[in-house]
Amino acid sequence: MNRLITFFRDVRLELKRVTWPNKDQIMSATIVVIVATLILSAYLGVVDRLFSLLLRFALK
């Protein structure tokens, strides 16, 4: 039981040392993630369409 209490006490101390991002940093990071996701999904959609067309052509 003492080990568990010590663990949670250490976790609490570590969380006090964490440098948390501010609102502007969170917004910037969120925008980057959304844009990267949109770009990657568009790329994968194009590649999927190309492979689908190639497969249809090959199987005719």
N, C-alpha and C. Protein backbone atom coordinates (compact mmCIF):
# COMPACT_ATOMS: atom_id res chain seq x y z
N MET A 1 0.82 -1.20 0.00
CA MET A 1 0.00 0.00 0.00
C MET A 1 0.86 1.26 0.00
N ASN A 2 1.98 1.20 0.71
CA ASN A 2 2.87 2.36 0.76
C ASN A 2 3.47 2.67 -0.60
N ARG A 3 3.75 1.63 -1.38
CA ARG A 3 4.30 1.85 -2.71
C ARG A 3 3.31 2.57 -3.60
N LEU A 4 2.03 2.26 -3.47
CA LEU A 4 1.00 2.90 -4.26
C LEU A 4 0.87 4.37 -3.88
N ILE A 5 0.88 4.66 -2.60
CA ILE A 5 0.80 6.04 -2.13
C ILE A 5 2.01 6.83 -2.60
N THR A 6 3.18 6.22 -2.52
CA THR A 6 4.40 6.87 -2.99
C THR A 6 4.33 7.13 -4.48
N PHE A 7 3.82 6.18 -5.24
CA PHE A 7 3.70 6.35 -6.68
C PHE A 7 2.83 7.56 -7.01
N PHE A 8 1.65 7.64 -6.41
CA PHE A 8 0.75 8.75 -6.71
C PHE A 8 1.31 10.09 -6.22
N ARG A 9 2.03 10.08 -5.15
CA ARG A 9 2.68 11.31 -4.66
C ARG A 9 3.73 11.76 -5.67
N ASP A 10 4.50 10.82 -6.20
CA ASP A 10 5.52 11.15 -7.21
C ASP A 10 4.88 11.64 -8.50
N VAL A 11 3.77 11.03 -8.89
CA VAL A 11 3.06 11.47 -10.09
C VAL A 11 2.59 12.91 -9.91
N ARG A 12 2.05 13.22 -8.77
CA ARG A 12 1.57 14.58 -8.51
C ARG A 12 2.72 15.59 -8.57
N LEU A 13 3.86 15.22 -8.02
CA LEU A 13 5.02 16.11 -8.07
C LEU A 13 5.50 16.31 -9.50
N GLU A 14 5.51 15.26 -10.30
CA GLU A 14 5.94 15.37 -11.69
C GLU A 14 4.99 16.25 -12.49
N LEU A 15 3.69 16.11 -12.24
CA LEU A 15 2.72 16.92 -12.97
C LEU A 15 2.84 18.40 -12.64
N LYS A 16 3.35 18.73 -11.47
CA LYS A 16 3.57 20.14 -11.13
C LYS A 16 4.73 20.72 -11.94
N ARG A 17 5.67 19.87 -12.37
CA ARG A 17 6.83 20.33 -13.14
C ARG A 17 6.56 20.46 -14.64
N VAL A 18 5.44 19.92 -15.08
CA VAL A 18 5.13 19.93 -16.50
C VAL A 18 4.84 21.35 -16.96
N THR A 19 5.37 21.70 -18.13
CA THR A 19 5.07 22.99 -18.73
C THR A 19 3.89 22.78 -19.68
N TRP A 20 2.73 23.25 -19.30
CA TRP A 20 1.53 23.03 -20.08
C TRP A 20 1.44 24.07 -21.19
N PRO A 21 0.97 23.69 -22.38
CA PRO A 21 0.85 24.66 -23.47
C PRO A 21 -0.27 25.66 -23.20
N ASN A 22 -0.09 26.87 -23.75
CA ASN A 22 -1.16 27.86 -23.59
C ASN A 22 -2.16 27.71 -24.73
N LYS A 23 -3.18 28.54 -24.72
CA LYS A 23 -4.28 28.41 -25.68
C LYS A 23 -3.79 28.59 -27.12
N ASP A 24 -2.89 29.55 -27.35
CA ASP A 24 -2.39 29.79 -28.71
C ASP A 24 -1.61 28.59 -29.24
N GLN A 25 -0.80 27.97 -28.40
CA GLN A 25 -0.04 26.79 -28.81
C GLN A 25 -0.96 25.63 -29.13
N ILE A 26 -2.01 25.46 -28.35
CA ILE A 26 -2.97 24.38 -28.60
C ILE A 26 -3.70 24.61 -29.91
N MET A 27 -4.11 25.85 -30.17
CA MET A 27 -4.80 26.17 -31.42
C MET A 27 -3.89 25.94 -32.62
N SER A 28 -2.64 26.35 -32.53
CA SER A 28 -1.69 26.16 -33.63
C SER A 28 -1.47 24.68 -33.91
N ALA A 29 -1.26 23.92 -32.86
CA ALA A 29 -1.03 22.49 -33.03
C ALA A 29 -2.27 21.80 -33.60
N THR A 30 -3.44 22.22 -33.18
CA THR A 30 -4.68 21.63 -33.69
C THR A 30 -4.85 21.91 -35.17
N ILE A 31 -4.55 23.13 -35.58
CA ILE A 31 -4.66 23.49 -37.00
C ILE A 31 -3.68 22.68 -37.83
N VAL A 32 -2.46 22.51 -37.33
CA VAL A 32 -1.46 21.71 -38.05
C VAL A 32 -1.95 20.28 -38.22
N VAL A 33 -2.51 19.71 -37.18
CA VAL A 33 -3.00 18.33 -37.24
C VAL A 33 -4.15 18.20 -38.23
N ILE A 34 -5.07 19.16 -38.21
CA ILE A 34 -6.21 19.10 -39.12
C ILE A 34 -5.76 19.24 -40.57
N VAL A 35 -4.87 20.18 -40.85
CA VAL A 35 -4.38 20.38 -42.21
C VAL A 35 -3.61 19.14 -42.68
N ALA A 36 -2.75 18.60 -41.84
CA ALA A 36 -1.99 17.41 -42.21
C ALA A 36 -2.92 16.23 -42.48
N THR A 37 -3.97 16.10 -41.69
CA THR A 37 -4.93 15.01 -41.89
C THR A 37 -5.67 15.17 -43.21
N LEU A 38 -6.07 16.39 -43.53
CA LEU A 38 -6.76 16.64 -44.80
C LEU A 38 -5.85 16.35 -46.00
N ILE A 39 -4.61 16.78 -45.92
CA ILE A 39 -3.66 16.54 -47.02
C ILE A 39 -3.42 15.04 -47.19
N LEU A 40 -3.18 14.35 -46.10
CA LEU A 40 -2.93 12.91 -46.17
C LEU A 40 -4.14 12.14 -46.67
N SER A 41 -5.33 12.53 -46.23
CA SER A 41 -6.52 11.82 -46.69
C SER A 41 -6.78 12.08 -48.17
N ALA A 42 -6.51 13.29 -48.65
CA ALA A 42 -6.66 13.58 -50.07
C ALA A 42 -5.66 12.76 -50.88
N TYR A 43 -4.42 12.69 -50.42
CA TYR A 43 -3.40 11.90 -51.10
C TYR A 43 -3.80 10.42 -51.16
N LEU A 44 -4.23 9.88 -50.04
CA LEU A 44 -4.64 8.47 -50.02
C LEU A 44 -5.86 8.22 -50.89
N GLY A 45 -6.77 9.19 -50.94
CA GLY A 45 -7.93 9.06 -51.81
C GLY A 45 -7.54 9.00 -53.27
N VAL A 46 -6.60 9.84 -53.68
CA VAL A 46 -6.13 9.84 -55.07
C VAL A 46 -5.41 8.53 -55.39
N VAL A 47 -4.55 8.09 -54.50
CA VAL A 47 -3.82 6.84 -54.72
C VAL A 47 -4.80 5.67 -54.80
N ASP A 48 -5.80 5.65 -53.93
CA ASP A 48 -6.80 4.58 -53.95
C ASP A 48 -7.56 4.58 -55.26
N ARG A 49 -7.93 5.76 -55.73
CA ARG A 49 -8.66 5.86 -57.01
C ARG A 49 -7.79 5.36 -58.17
N LEU A 50 -6.51 5.73 -58.16
CA LEU A 50 -5.61 5.28 -59.23
C LEU A 50 -5.44 3.76 -59.22
N PHE A 51 -5.23 3.20 -58.05
CA PHE A 51 -5.09 1.74 -57.97
C PHE A 51 -6.38 1.04 -58.38
N SER A 52 -7.51 1.62 -58.03
CA SER A 52 -8.79 1.04 -58.41
C SER A 52 -8.96 1.03 -59.94
N LEU A 53 -8.60 2.16 -60.55
CA LEU A 53 -8.68 2.23 -62.02
C LEU A 53 -7.71 1.27 -62.69
N LEU A 54 -6.50 1.18 -62.15
CA LEU A 54 -5.50 0.25 -62.72
C LEU A 54 -5.97 -1.20 -62.58
N LEU A 55 -6.56 -1.53 -61.46
CA LEU A 55 -7.03 -2.88 -61.23
C LEU A 55 -8.20 -3.22 -62.17
N ARG A 56 -9.10 -2.27 -62.36
CA ARG A 56 -10.19 -2.49 -63.31
C ARG A 56 -9.65 -2.71 -64.72
N PHE A 57 -8.68 -1.89 -65.10
CA PHE A 57 -8.08 -2.01 -66.43
C PHE A 57 -7.37 -3.35 -66.59
N ALA A 58 -6.69 -3.79 -65.56
CA ALA A 58 -5.92 -5.03 -65.64
C ALA A 58 -6.84 -6.26 -65.69
N LEU A 59 -8.01 -6.18 -65.07
CA LEU A 59 -8.90 -7.33 -65.02
C LEU A 59 -9.87 -7.42 -66.19
N LYS A 60 -9.85 -6.43 -67.09
CA LYS A 60 -10.76 -6.48 -68.24
C LYS A 60 -10.26 -7.39 -69.29
